[in-house]
Amino acid sequence: MSRITNKHRGIREIVHNRSLYLLAVPAVLFSVVFSYLPMAGVAIAFQDFNPLAGLFGSEWVGLDNFRFFFRGSDWLIITFHTVFFNLMFILTGTALALALAVMLTELGRNAVVRTVQSVMILPNFISWPIIGLFSVTFFTADTGAINQFLHAAGLAPIDFYTEPGVWPPILVLVNLWKTAGFGAIVYMAAIVGIDRELYEAARIDGATRFQCIFRITLPLLKSTIVMLFLLSLGNIFGGNLEMIYSLVGDNSFLFGSTDTIDTYVFRALRTSGSLGMTQAIALYQSVVGFLLVVTANKIAAKLDRESALF
């Protein structure tokens, strides 16, 4: 009886809000066509895939495609680089975006702040290949701007494209420059939504500006920070192929500190041409990323139910 009642309630809900559900139809169809239907391609990870034979005609090889990636110790190093870079991108990006958002919000709404906002988000719209071309002018051994400065200061030049140790901080800084400004806009939107009366009451009680930031702004941003962190965890096993390949390319001297899962797969696809092997690694990335999001969400739900995604 209760099942029938719930069914009728659900039908009434759809009829009552039919205009809202109709608005959601294009997004649902887009997700089904481009996100769920392609999941049938997961079967390629277990096949010696032949495009001519198709998905149902290719030979099944079990876990052979996974052995290609997990043999030896390279997969451990590559996985470490992938997780390390993404954690650094998330942590440094969140910290800088928060700092920028709080500082600009505290400065109020004026022409200077609006100009800074516009300039701040501009790097987000510059493609990685263009940034890669810019980087050459900075890091080239003989004519690069950085080595020209070092030479003028009487210091030894750095051959950036043969020194793998210098690239992790370079990648983190370049990623910060490109993404932190846009991230700050998200946090600024959340700060604007905080009730102004809380700040007025705090100032009446004698709170300083820094006390308002640390006792009101940051605590009320906790749910937003946790939500964005959880969403970022889903991509923590993504190797930022476009960024790293644009800056580093196929430079084997730098693989020891910059090679990630995506760059490894990209090279393997070009050299071996095996779609099965590359799909196996993509499945490994997806499964581990999914487990990380679910685990982190459960931890967040136990600490603060409002901060959980689901």
C-alpha atoms as a PDB file:
ATOM      1  CA  MET A   1       0.000   0.000   0.000  1.00  0.00           C
ATOM      2  CA  SER A   2       2.783   2.398   0.935  1.00  0.00           C
ATOM      3  CA  ARG A   3       4.594   1.542  -2.323  1.00  0.00           C
ATOM      4  CA  ILE A   4       1.508   2.499  -4.356  1.00  0.00           C
ATOM      5  CA  THR A   5       1.129   5.717  -2.360  1.00  0.00           C
ATOM      6  CA  ASN A   6       4.783   6.634  -2.963  1.00  0.00           C
ATOM      7  CA  LYS A   7       4.335   5.896  -6.677  1.00  0.00           C
ATOM      8  CA  HIS A   8       1.327   8.212  -6.883  1.00  0.00           C
ATOM      9  CA  ARG A   9       3.196  10.866  -4.923  1.00  0.00           C
ATOM     10  CA  GLY A  10       6.071  10.627  -7.390  1.00  0.00           C
ATOM     11  CA  ILE A  11       3.744  10.990 -10.381  1.00  0.00           C
ATOM     12  CA  ARG A  12       2.061  14.001  -8.801  1.00  0.00           C
ATOM     13  CA  GLU A  13       5.464  15.552  -8.150  1.00  0.00           C
ATOM     14  CA  ILE A  14       6.459  15.165 -11.831  1.00  0.00           C
ATOM     15  CA  VAL A  15       3.125  16.558 -13.057  1.00  0.00           C
ATOM     16  CA  HIS A  16       3.228  19.492 -10.638  1.00  0.00           C
ATOM     17  CA  ASN A  17       6.817  20.449 -11.557  1.00  0.00           C
ATOM     18  CA  ARG A  18       6.705  19.316 -15.185  1.00  0.00           C
ATOM     19  CA  SER A  19       8.237  22.552 -16.490  1.00  0.00           C
ATOM     20  CA  LEU A  20      11.311  22.090 -14.262  1.00  0.00           C
ATOM     21  CA  TYR A  21      11.680  18.451 -15.293  1.00  0.00           C
ATOM     22  CA  LEU A  22      11.419  19.458 -18.956  1.00  0.00           C
ATOM     23  CA  LEU A  23      14.278  21.900 -18.410  1.00  0.00           C
ATOM     24  CA  ALA A  24      16.365  19.016 -17.055  1.00  0.00           C
ATOM     25  CA  VAL A  25      15.696  16.730 -20.039  1.00  0.00           C
ATOM     26  CA  PRO A  26      18.504  18.093 -22.313  1.00  0.00           C
ATOM     27  CA  ALA A  27      21.074  17.743 -19.512  1.00  0.00           C
ATOM     28  CA  VAL A  28      19.889  14.214 -18.706  1.00  0.00           C
ATOM     29  CA  LEU A  29      20.029  13.194 -22.378  1.00  0.00           C
ATOM     30  CA  PHE A  30      23.497  14.738 -22.728  1.00  0.00           C
ATOM     31  CA  SER A  31      24.711  12.762 -19.699  1.00  0.00           C
ATOM     32  CA  VAL A  32      23.193   9.510 -20.949  1.00  0.00           C
ATOM     33  CA  VAL A  33      24.582   9.840 -24.479  1.00  0.00           C
ATOM     34  CA  PHE A  34      28.058  11.123 -23.638  1.00  0.00           C
ATOM     35  CA  SER A  35      28.677   9.683 -20.152  1.00  0.00           C
ATOM     36  CA  TYR A  36      26.714   6.463 -19.669  1.00  0.00           C
ATOM     37  CA  LEU A  37      26.400   4.887 -23.126  1.00  0.00           C
ATOM     38  CA  PRO A  38      30.187   5.121 -23.727  1.00  0.00           C
ATOM     39  CA  MET A  39      30.699   3.051 -20.550  1.00  0.00           C
ATOM     40  CA  ALA A  40      30.090  -0.009 -22.752  1.00  0.00           C
ATOM     41  CA  GLY A  41      33.596   0.688 -24.021  1.00  0.00           C
ATOM     42  CA  VAL A  42      34.965  -0.558 -20.683  1.00  0.00           C
ATOM     43  CA  ALA A  43      34.854  -4.018 -22.300  1.00  0.00           C
ATOM     44  CA  ILE A  44      37.774  -2.933 -24.526  1.00  0.00           C
ATOM     45  CA  ALA A  45      40.032  -3.154 -21.448  1.00  0.00           C
ATOM     46  CA  PHE A  46      39.575  -6.936 -21.529  1.00  0.00           C
ATOM     47  CA  GLN A  47      39.930  -7.379 -25.299  1.00  0.00           C
ATOM     48  CA  ASP A  48      42.573  -7.382 -27.984  1.00  0.00           C
ATOM     49  CA  PHE A  49      40.456  -4.728 -29.604  1.00  0.00           C
ATOM     50  CA  ASN A  50      40.252  -4.651 -33.381  1.00  0.00           C
ATOM     51  CA  PRO A  51      38.358  -1.651 -34.813  1.00  0.00           C
ATOM     52  CA  LEU A  52      37.355  -3.704 -37.848  1.00  0.00           C
ATOM     53  CA  ALA A  53      35.897  -6.507 -35.726  1.00  0.00           C
ATOM     54  CA  GLY A  54      34.216  -4.069 -33.358  1.00  0.00           C
ATOM     55  CA  LEU A  55      33.311  -4.361 -29.701  1.00  0.00           C
ATOM     56  CA  PHE A  56      31.500  -7.684 -30.062  1.00  0.00           C
ATOM     57  CA  GLY A  57      33.893  -9.305 -32.514  1.00  0.00           C
ATOM     58  CA  SER A  58      37.248  -8.648 -30.835  1.00  0.00           C
ATOM     59  CA  GLU A  59      39.090 -11.393 -28.989  1.00  0.00           C
ATOM     60  CA  TRP A  60      38.804 -11.480 -25.184  1.00  0.00           C
ATOM     61  CA  VAL A  61      42.198 -11.579 -23.452  1.00  0.00           C
ATOM     62  CA  GLY A  62      41.166 -11.255 -19.795  1.00  0.00           C
ATOM     63  CA  LEU A  63      43.635  -9.266 -17.710  1.00  0.00           C
ATOM     64  CA  ASP A  64      46.482  -9.257 -20.226  1.00  0.00           C
ATOM     65  CA  ASN A  65      46.024  -5.552 -20.943  1.00  0.00           C
ATOM     66  CA  PHE A  66      46.447  -4.727 -17.258  1.00  0.00           C
ATOM     67  CA  ARG A  67      49.733  -6.643 -17.091  1.00  0.00           C
ATOM     68  CA  PHE A  68      51.142  -4.204 -19.654  1.00  0.00           C
ATOM     69  CA  PHE A  69      50.862  -1.381 -17.110  1.00  0.00           C
ATOM     70  CA  PHE A  70      51.445  -3.206 -13.828  1.00  0.00           C
ATOM     71  CA  ARG A  71      54.533  -5.136 -14.826  1.00  0.00           C
ATOM     72  CA  GLY A  72      57.729  -3.850 -13.212  1.00  0.00           C
ATOM     73  CA  SER A  73      57.831  -0.839 -10.909  1.00  0.00           C
ATOM     74  CA  ASP A  74      57.142   1.965 -13.406  1.00  0.00           C
ATOM     75  CA  TRP A  75      53.448   2.033 -12.549  1.00  0.00           C
ATOM     76  CA  LEU A  76      54.255   2.858  -8.911  1.00  0.00           C
ATOM     77  CA  ILE A  77      56.428   5.837  -9.896  1.00  0.00           C
ATOM     78  CA  ILE A  78      53.912   7.069 -12.459  1.00  0.00           C
ATOM     79  CA  THR A  79      51.008   6.698 -10.031  1.00  0.00           C
ATOM     80  CA  PHE A  80      52.972   8.551  -7.339  1.00  0.00           C
ATOM     81  CA  HIS A  81      53.685  11.450  -9.729  1.00  0.00           C
ATOM     82  CA  THR A  82      50.020  11.613 -10.722  1.00  0.00           C
ATOM     83  CA  VAL A  83      48.722  11.678  -7.141  1.00  0.00           C
ATOM     84  CA  PHE A  84      51.480  14.013  -5.938  1.00  0.00           C
ATOM     85  CA  PHE A  85      50.894  16.617  -8.645  1.00  0.00           C
ATOM     86  CA  ASN A  86      47.132  16.573  -8.246  1.00  0.00           C
ATOM     87  CA  LEU A  87      47.318  16.833  -4.455  1.00  0.00           C
ATOM     88  CA  MET A  88      49.685  19.778  -4.775  1.00  0.00           C
ATOM     89  CA  PHE A  89      47.392  21.392  -7.355  1.00  0.00           C
ATOM     90  CA  ILE A  90      44.350  20.940  -5.105  1.00  0.00           C
ATOM     91  CA  LEU A  91      45.975  22.086  -1.849  1.00  0.00           C
ATOM     92  CA  THR A  92      47.900  25.064  -3.216  1.00  0.00           C
ATOM     93  CA  GLY A  93      45.048  26.051  -5.536  1.00  0.00           C
ATOM     94  CA  THR A  94      42.500  25.980  -2.727  1.00  0.00           C
ATOM     95  CA  ALA A  95      44.720  27.957  -0.362  1.00  0.00           C
ATOM     96  CA  LEU A  96      45.554  30.674  -2.907  1.00  0.00           C
ATOM     97  CA  ALA A  97      41.988  30.906  -4.243  1.00  0.00           C
ATOM     98  CA  LEU A  98      40.659  31.307  -0.703  1.00  0.00           C
ATOM     99  CA  ALA A  99      43.257  33.963   0.124  1.00  0.00           C
ATOM    100  CA  LEU A 100      42.469  35.930  -3.044  1.00  0.00           C
ATOM    101  CA  ALA A 101      38.723  35.662  -2.491  1.00  0.00           C
ATOM    102  CA  VAL A 102      38.915  36.881   1.108  1.00  0.00           C
ATOM    103  CA  MET A 103      41.300  39.741   0.296  1.00  0.00           C
ATOM    104  CA  LEU A 104      39.253  41.015  -2.645  1.00  0.00           C
ATOM    105  CA  THR A 105      36.004  40.727  -0.698  1.00  0.00           C
ATOM    106  CA  GLU A 106      37.479  42.702   2.181  1.00  0.00           C
ATOM    107  CA  LEU A 107      38.540  45.459  -0.206  1.00  0.00           C
ATOM    108  CA  GLY A 108      34.905  46.026  -1.163  1.00  0.00           C
ATOM    109  CA  ARG A 109      33.403  46.683  -4.581  1.00  0.00           C
ATOM    110  CA  ASN A 110      35.297  49.369  -6.467  1.00  0.00           C
ATOM    111  CA  ALA A 111      36.927  49.880  -9.853  1.00  0.00           C
ATOM    112  CA  VAL A 112      40.297  48.526  -8.692  1.00  0.00           C
ATOM    113  CA  VAL A 113      38.805  45.291  -7.359  1.00  0.00           C
ATOM    114  CA  ARG A 114      36.758  44.733 -10.527  1.00  0.00           C
ATOM    115  CA  THR A 115      39.859  45.286 -12.657  1.00  0.00           C
ATOM    116  CA  VAL A 116      41.865  42.840 -10.549  1.00  0.00           C
ATOM    117  CA  GLN A 117      39.074  40.264 -10.869  1.00  0.00           C
ATOM    118  CA  SER A 118      39.097  40.560 -14.648  1.00  0.00           C
ATOM    119  CA  VAL A 119      42.879  40.257 -14.874  1.00  0.00           C
ATOM    120  CA  MET A 120      42.884  37.415 -12.354  1.00  0.00           C
ATOM    121  CA  ILE A 121      40.617  35.111 -14.358  1.00  0.00           C
ATOM    122  CA  LEU A 122      42.236  35.854 -17.727  1.00  0.00           C
ATOM    123  CA  PRO A 123      44.860  33.035 -17.515  1.00  0.00           C
ATOM    124  CA  ASN A 124      42.051  30.493 -17.155  1.00  0.00           C
ATOM    125  CA  PHE A 125      41.032  31.194 -20.765  1.00  0.00           C
ATOM    126  CA  ILE A 126      44.518  30.762 -22.229  1.00  0.00           C
ATOM    127  CA  SER A 127      45.011  27.248 -23.612  1.00  0.00           C
ATOM    128  CA  TRP A 128      47.842  25.054 -22.377  1.00  0.00           C
ATOM    129  CA  PRO A 129      49.538  24.817 -25.805  1.00  0.00           C
ATOM    130  CA  ILE A 130      49.800  28.637 -25.858  1.00  0.00           C
ATOM    131  CA  ILE A 131      51.228  28.602 -22.328  1.00  0.00           C
ATOM    132  CA  GLY A 132      53.676  25.923 -23.492  1.00  0.00           C
ATOM    133  CA  LEU A 133      54.908  28.266 -26.226  1.00  0.00           C
ATOM    134  CA  PHE A 134      55.289  31.073 -23.682  1.00  0.00           C
ATOM    135  CA  SER A 135      57.261  28.785 -21.365  1.00  0.00           C
ATOM    136  CA  VAL A 136      59.958  28.277 -24.001  1.00  0.00           C
ATOM    137  CA  THR A 137      60.796  31.983 -23.845  1.00  0.00           C
ATOM    138  CA  PHE A 138      61.364  31.639 -20.103  1.00  0.00           C
ATOM    139  CA  PHE A 139      63.126  28.274 -19.818  1.00  0.00           C
ATOM    140  CA  THR A 140      65.344  27.967 -22.919  1.00  0.00           C
ATOM    141  CA  ALA A 141      68.937  27.377 -21.845  1.00  0.00           C
ATOM    142  CA  ASP A 142      70.651  30.130 -23.864  1.00  0.00           C
ATOM    143  CA  THR A 143      68.031  32.759 -24.592  1.00  0.00           C
ATOM    144  CA  GLY A 144      65.417  32.127 -21.902  1.00  0.00           C
ATOM    145  CA  ALA A 145      64.381  35.092 -19.755  1.00  0.00           C
ATOM    146  CA  ILE A 146      65.213  33.301 -16.488  1.00  0.00           C
ATOM    147  CA  ASN A 147      68.732  32.339 -17.580  1.00  0.00           C
ATOM    148  CA  GLN A 148      69.311  35.830 -18.943  1.00  0.00           C
ATOM    149  CA  PHE A 149      68.437  37.179 -15.498  1.00  0.00           C
ATOM    150  CA  LEU A 150      70.690  34.621 -13.775  1.00  0.00           C
ATOM    151  CA  HIS A 151      73.560  35.537 -16.117  1.00  0.00           C
ATOM    152  CA  ALA A 152      73.088  39.250 -15.380  1.00  0.00           C
ATOM    153  CA  ALA A 153      73.125  38.467 -11.647  1.00  0.00           C
ATOM    154  CA  GLY A 154      76.363  36.515 -12.017  1.00  0.00           C
ATOM    155  CA  LEU A 155      74.733  33.170 -11.269  1.00  0.00           C
ATOM    156  CA  ALA A 156      75.080  29.882 -13.097  1.00  0.00           C
ATOM    157  CA  PRO A 157      72.366  29.217 -15.702  1.00  0.00           C
ATOM    158  CA  ILE A 158      69.961  26.294 -15.366  1.00  0.00           C
ATOM    159  CA  ASP A 159      69.348  23.916 -18.237  1.00  0.00           C
ATOM    160  CA  PHE A 160      65.660  23.453 -17.460  1.00  0.00           C
ATOM    161  CA  TYR A 161      65.006  20.890 -20.182  1.00  0.00           C
ATOM    162  CA  THR A 162      67.624  18.456 -18.853  1.00  0.00           C
ATOM    163  CA  GLU A 163      67.067  19.022 -15.102  1.00  0.00           C
ATOM    164  CA  PRO A 164      64.045  16.951 -13.934  1.00  0.00           C
ATOM    165  CA  GLY A 165      64.264  18.188 -10.333  1.00  0.00           C
ATOM    166  CA  VAL A 166      63.184  21.743 -11.151  1.00  0.00           C
ATOM    167  CA  TRP A 167      59.934  20.801 -12.888  1.00  0.00           C
ATOM    168  CA  PRO A 168      57.606  19.778 -10.028  1.00  0.00           C
ATOM    169  CA  PRO A 169      57.650  23.304  -8.508  1.00  0.00           C
ATOM    170  CA  ILE A 170      57.411  24.838 -11.998  1.00  0.00           C
ATOM    171  CA  LEU A 171      54.304  22.787 -12.811  1.00  0.00           C
ATOM    172  CA  VAL A 172      52.688  23.706  -9.490  1.00  0.00           C
ATOM    173  CA  LEU A 173      53.393  27.426  -9.953  1.00  0.00           C
ATOM    174  CA  VAL A 174      52.162  27.477 -13.549  1.00  0.00           C
ATOM    175  CA  ASN A 175      48.982  25.640 -12.538  1.00  0.00           C
ATOM    176  CA  LEU A 176      48.442  28.161  -9.726  1.00  0.00           C
ATOM    177  CA  TRP A 177      48.874  31.076 -12.118  1.00  0.00           C
ATOM    178  CA  LYS A 178      46.321  29.609 -14.517  1.00  0.00           C
ATOM    179  CA  THR A 179      43.607  28.302 -12.173  1.00  0.00           C
ATOM    180  CA  ALA A 180      43.721  30.135  -8.825  1.00  0.00           C
ATOM    181  CA  GLY A 181      42.029  33.293 -10.125  1.00  0.00           C
ATOM    182  CA  PHE A 182      39.028  31.436 -11.488  1.00  0.00           C
ATOM    183  CA  GLY A 183      38.794  29.387  -8.280  1.00  0.00           C
ATOM    184  CA  ALA A 184      38.742  32.600  -6.270  1.00  0.00           C
ATOM    185  CA  ILE A 185      35.599  33.714  -8.128  1.00  0.00           C
ATOM    186  CA  VAL A 186      33.771  30.619  -6.850  1.00  0.00           C
ATOM    187  CA  TYR A 187      34.729  31.384  -3.250  1.00  0.00           C
ATOM    188  CA  MET A 188      33.870  35.057  -3.671  1.00  0.00           C
ATOM    189  CA  ALA A 189      30.376  34.055  -4.776  1.00  0.00           C
ATOM    190  CA  ALA A 190      30.053  31.933  -1.621  1.00  0.00           C
ATOM    191  CA  ILE A 191      31.307  34.790   0.581  1.00  0.00           C
ATOM    192  CA  VAL A 192      28.776  37.204  -0.936  1.00  0.00           C
ATOM    193  CA  GLY A 193      26.042  34.785   0.149  1.00  0.00           C
ATOM    194  CA  ILE A 194      27.005  35.046   3.825  1.00  0.00           C
ATOM    195  CA  ASP A 195      24.557  37.102   5.875  1.00  0.00           C
ATOM    196  CA  ARG A 196      26.008  40.585   6.406  1.00  0.00           C
ATOM    197  CA  GLU A 197      24.261  40.846   9.763  1.00  0.00           C
ATOM    198  CA  LEU A 198      26.736  38.333  11.191  1.00  0.00           C
ATOM    199  CA  TYR A 199      29.604  40.709  10.443  1.00  0.00           C
ATOM    200  CA  GLU A 200      27.706  43.706  11.794  1.00  0.00           C
ATOM    201  CA  ALA A 201      26.935  41.883  15.040  1.00  0.00           C
ATOM    202  CA  ALA A 202      30.581  40.801  15.359  1.00  0.00           C
ATOM    203  CA  ARG A 203      31.845  44.364  14.859  1.00  0.00           C
ATOM    204  CA  ILE A 204      29.391  45.657  17.477  1.00  0.00           C
ATOM    205  CA  ASP A 205      30.917  43.118  19.877  1.00  0.00           C
ATOM    206  CA  GLY A 206      34.369  44.509  19.086  1.00  0.00           C
ATOM    207  CA  ALA A 207      35.629  41.889  16.611  1.00  0.00           C
ATOM    208  CA  THR A 208      38.500  42.937  14.362  1.00  0.00           C
ATOM    209  CA  ARG A 209      38.585  42.328  10.624  1.00  0.00           C
ATOM    210  CA  PHE A 210      40.881  39.298  11.046  1.00  0.00           C
ATOM    211  CA  GLN A 211      38.618  37.863  13.724  1.00  0.00           C
ATOM    212  CA  CYS A 212      35.643  38.200  11.358  1.00  0.00           C
ATOM    213  CA  ILE A 213      37.589  36.341   8.672  1.00  0.00           C
ATOM    214  CA  PHE A 214      38.679  33.464  10.910  1.00  0.00           C
ATOM    215  CA  ARG A 215      35.515  33.216  13.030  1.00  0.00           C
ATOM    216  CA  ILE A 216      32.820  33.886  10.420  1.00  0.00           C
ATOM    217  CA  THR A 217      34.012  33.755   6.799  1.00  0.00           C
ATOM    218  CA  LEU A 218      36.215  30.664   6.824  1.00  0.00           C
ATOM    219  CA  PRO A 219      33.929  28.511   9.040  1.00  0.00           C
ATOM    220  CA  LEU A 220      30.933  29.304   6.830  1.00  0.00           C
ATOM    221  CA  LEU A 221      32.962  28.409   3.731  1.00  0.00           C
ATOM    222  CA  LYS A 222      33.772  24.963   5.109  1.00  0.00           C
ATOM    223  CA  SER A 223      30.981  23.184   3.229  1.00  0.00           C
ATOM    224  CA  THR A 224      31.979  24.818  -0.058  1.00  0.00           C
ATOM    225  CA  ILE A 225      35.647  23.949   0.460  1.00  0.00           C
ATOM    226  CA  VAL A 226      34.871  20.318   1.297  1.00  0.00           C
ATOM    227  CA  MET A 227      32.477  19.962  -1.638  1.00  0.00           C
ATOM    228  CA  LEU A 228      35.022  21.310  -4.148  1.00  0.00           C
ATOM    229  CA  PHE A 229      37.736  19.140  -2.600  1.00  0.00           C
ATOM    230  CA  LEU A 230      35.576  16.028  -2.978  1.00  0.00           C
ATOM    231  CA  LEU A 231      34.839  16.885  -6.598  1.00  0.00           C
ATOM    232  CA  SER A 232      38.561  17.396  -7.228  1.00  0.00           C
ATOM    233  CA  LEU A 233      39.375  13.995  -5.741  1.00  0.00           C
ATOM    234  CA  GLY A 234      37.500  12.351  -8.603  1.00  0.00           C
ATOM    235  CA  ASN A 235      40.220  13.599 -10.955  1.00  0.00           C
ATOM    236  CA  ILE A 236      43.171  12.932  -8.692  1.00  0.00           C
ATOM    237  CA  PHE A 237      44.245  10.016 -10.888  1.00  0.00           C
ATOM    238  CA  GLY A 238      43.981  12.151 -14.017  1.00  0.00           C
ATOM    239  CA  GLY A 239      47.438  13.111 -15.193  1.00  0.00           C
ATOM    240  CA  ASN A 240      46.788  16.615 -16.606  1.00  0.00           C
ATOM    241  CA  LEU A 241      47.961  15.476 -20.028  1.00  0.00           C
ATOM    242  CA  GLU A 242      47.350  18.786 -21.789  1.00  0.00           C
ATOM    243  CA  MET A 243      49.334  20.784 -19.254  1.00  0.00           C
ATOM    244  CA  ILE A 244      52.318  18.459 -18.841  1.00  0.00           C
ATOM    245  CA  TYR A 245      52.610  17.560 -22.515  1.00  0.00           C
ATOM    246  CA  SER A 246      52.415  21.240 -23.525  1.00  0.00           C
ATOM    247  CA  LEU A 247      55.199  22.196 -21.132  1.00  0.00           C
ATOM    248  CA  VAL A 248      57.392  19.086 -21.221  1.00  0.00           C
ATOM    249  CA  GLY A 249      56.507  17.257 -24.436  1.00  0.00           C
ATOM    250  CA  ASP A 250      58.365  14.017 -25.231  1.00  0.00           C
ATOM    251  CA  ASN A 251      61.498  15.094 -23.373  1.00  0.00           C
ATOM    252  CA  SER A 252      62.790  11.804 -21.926  1.00  0.00           C
ATOM    253  CA  PHE A 253      65.200  13.677 -19.626  1.00  0.00           C
ATOM    254  CA  LEU A 254      62.217  14.896 -17.599  1.00  0.00           C
ATOM    255  CA  PHE A 255      60.177  11.677 -17.393  1.00  0.00           C
ATOM    256  CA  GLY A 256      61.737  10.881 -14.006  1.00  0.00           C
ATOM    257  CA  SER A 257      59.886  13.761 -12.318  1.00  0.00           C
ATOM    258  CA  THR A 258      56.984  14.627 -14.633  1.00  0.00           C
ATOM    259  CA  ASP A 259      55.664  11.370 -16.111  1.00  0.00           C
ATOM    260  CA  THR A 260      52.054  10.746 -15.082  1.00  0.00           C
ATOM    261  CA  ILE A 261      49.491   8.098 -15.977  1.00  0.00           C
ATOM    262  CA  ASP A 262      47.994  10.164 -18.805  1.00  0.00           C
ATOM    263  CA  THR A 263      51.324  11.018 -20.436  1.00  0.00           C
ATOM    264  CA  TYR A 264      52.408   7.376 -20.132  1.00  0.00           C
ATOM    265  CA  VAL A 265      49.175   6.180 -21.764  1.00  0.00           C
ATOM    266  CA  PHE A 266      49.462   8.800 -24.510  1.00  0.00           C
ATOM    267  CA  ARG A 267      52.966   7.628 -25.426  1.00  0.00           C
ATOM    268  CA  ALA A 268      51.907   3.983 -25.245  1.00  0.00           C
ATOM    269  CA  LEU A 269      48.960   4.608 -27.571  1.00  0.00           C
ATOM    270  CA  ARG A 270      51.208   6.288 -30.143  1.00  0.00           C
ATOM    271  CA  THR A 271      53.878   3.585 -30.004  1.00  0.00           C
ATOM    272  CA  SER A 272      51.862   0.373 -29.552  1.00  0.00           C
ATOM    273  CA  GLY A 273      48.496   1.471 -30.955  1.00  0.00           C
ATOM    274  CA  SER A 274      46.714  -0.857 -28.529  1.00  0.00           C
ATOM    275  CA  LEU A 275      43.360   0.581 -27.486  1.00  0.00           C
ATOM    276  CA  GLY A 276      42.865  -2.307 -25.056  1.00  0.00           C
ATOM    277  CA  MET A 277      45.959  -1.411 -23.028  1.00  0.00           C
ATOM    278  CA  THR A 278      45.089   2.265 -22.839  1.00  0.00           C
ATOM    279  CA  GLN A 279      41.479   1.488 -21.879  1.00  0.00           C
ATOM    280  CA  ALA A 280      42.725  -0.807 -19.108  1.00  0.00           C
ATOM    281  CA  ILE A 281      44.724   2.043 -17.575  1.00  0.00           C
ATOM    282  CA  ALA A 282      41.790   4.431 -17.957  1.00  0.00           C
ATOM    283  CA  LEU A 283      39.597   1.914 -16.116  1.00  0.00           C
ATOM    284  CA  TYR A 284      42.186   1.708 -13.333  1.00  0.00           C
ATOM    285  CA  GLN A 285      42.117   5.513 -13.027  1.00  0.00           C
ATOM    286  CA  SER A 286      38.329   5.652 -12.957  1.00  0.00           C
ATOM    287  CA  VAL A 287      37.832   2.892 -10.390  1.00  0.00           C
ATOM    288  CA  VAL A 288      40.442   4.245  -7.969  1.00  0.00           C
ATOM    289  CA  GLY A 289      39.122   7.818  -8.394  1.00  0.00           C
ATOM    290  CA  PHE A 290      35.573   6.628  -7.709  1.00  0.00           C
ATOM    291  CA  LEU A 291      36.657   4.749  -4.566  1.00  0.00           C
ATOM    292  CA  LEU A 292      38.551   7.815  -3.330  1.00  0.00           C
ATOM    293  CA  VAL A 293      35.505  10.067  -3.754  1.00  0.00           C
ATOM    294  CA  VAL A 294      33.179   7.602  -1.988  1.00  0.00           C
ATOM    295  CA  THR A 295      35.644   7.091   0.880  1.00  0.00           C
ATOM    296  CA  ALA A 296      36.320  10.813   1.311  1.00  0.00           C
ATOM    297  CA  ASN A 297      32.596  11.545   1.181  1.00  0.00           C
ATOM    298  CA  LYS A 298      31.895   9.021   3.943  1.00  0.00           C
ATOM    299  CA  ILE A 299      34.597  10.588   6.102  1.00  0.00           C
ATOM    300  CA  ALA A 300      33.190  14.074   5.418  1.00  0.00           C
ATOM    301  CA  ALA A 301      29.657  12.873   6.252  1.00  0.00           C
ATOM    302  CA  LYS A 302      30.820  11.555   9.624  1.00  0.00           C
ATOM    303  CA  LEU A 303      32.611  14.793  10.470  1.00  0.00           C
ATOM    304  CA  ASP A 304      29.910  17.142   9.129  1.00  0.00           C
ATOM    305  CA  ARG A 305      26.798  15.863   7.404  1.00  0.00           C
ATOM    306  CA  GLU A 306      26.220  19.149   5.551  1.00  0.00           C
ATOM    307  CA  SER A 307      29.644  18.934   3.900  1.00  0.00           C
ATOM    308  CA  ALA A 308      28.965  15.574   2.199  1.00  0.00           C
ATOM    309  CA  LEU A 309      28.060  15.349  -1.471  1.00  0.00           C
ATOM    310  CA  PHE A 310      25.602  12.474  -0.965  1.00  0.00           C
END
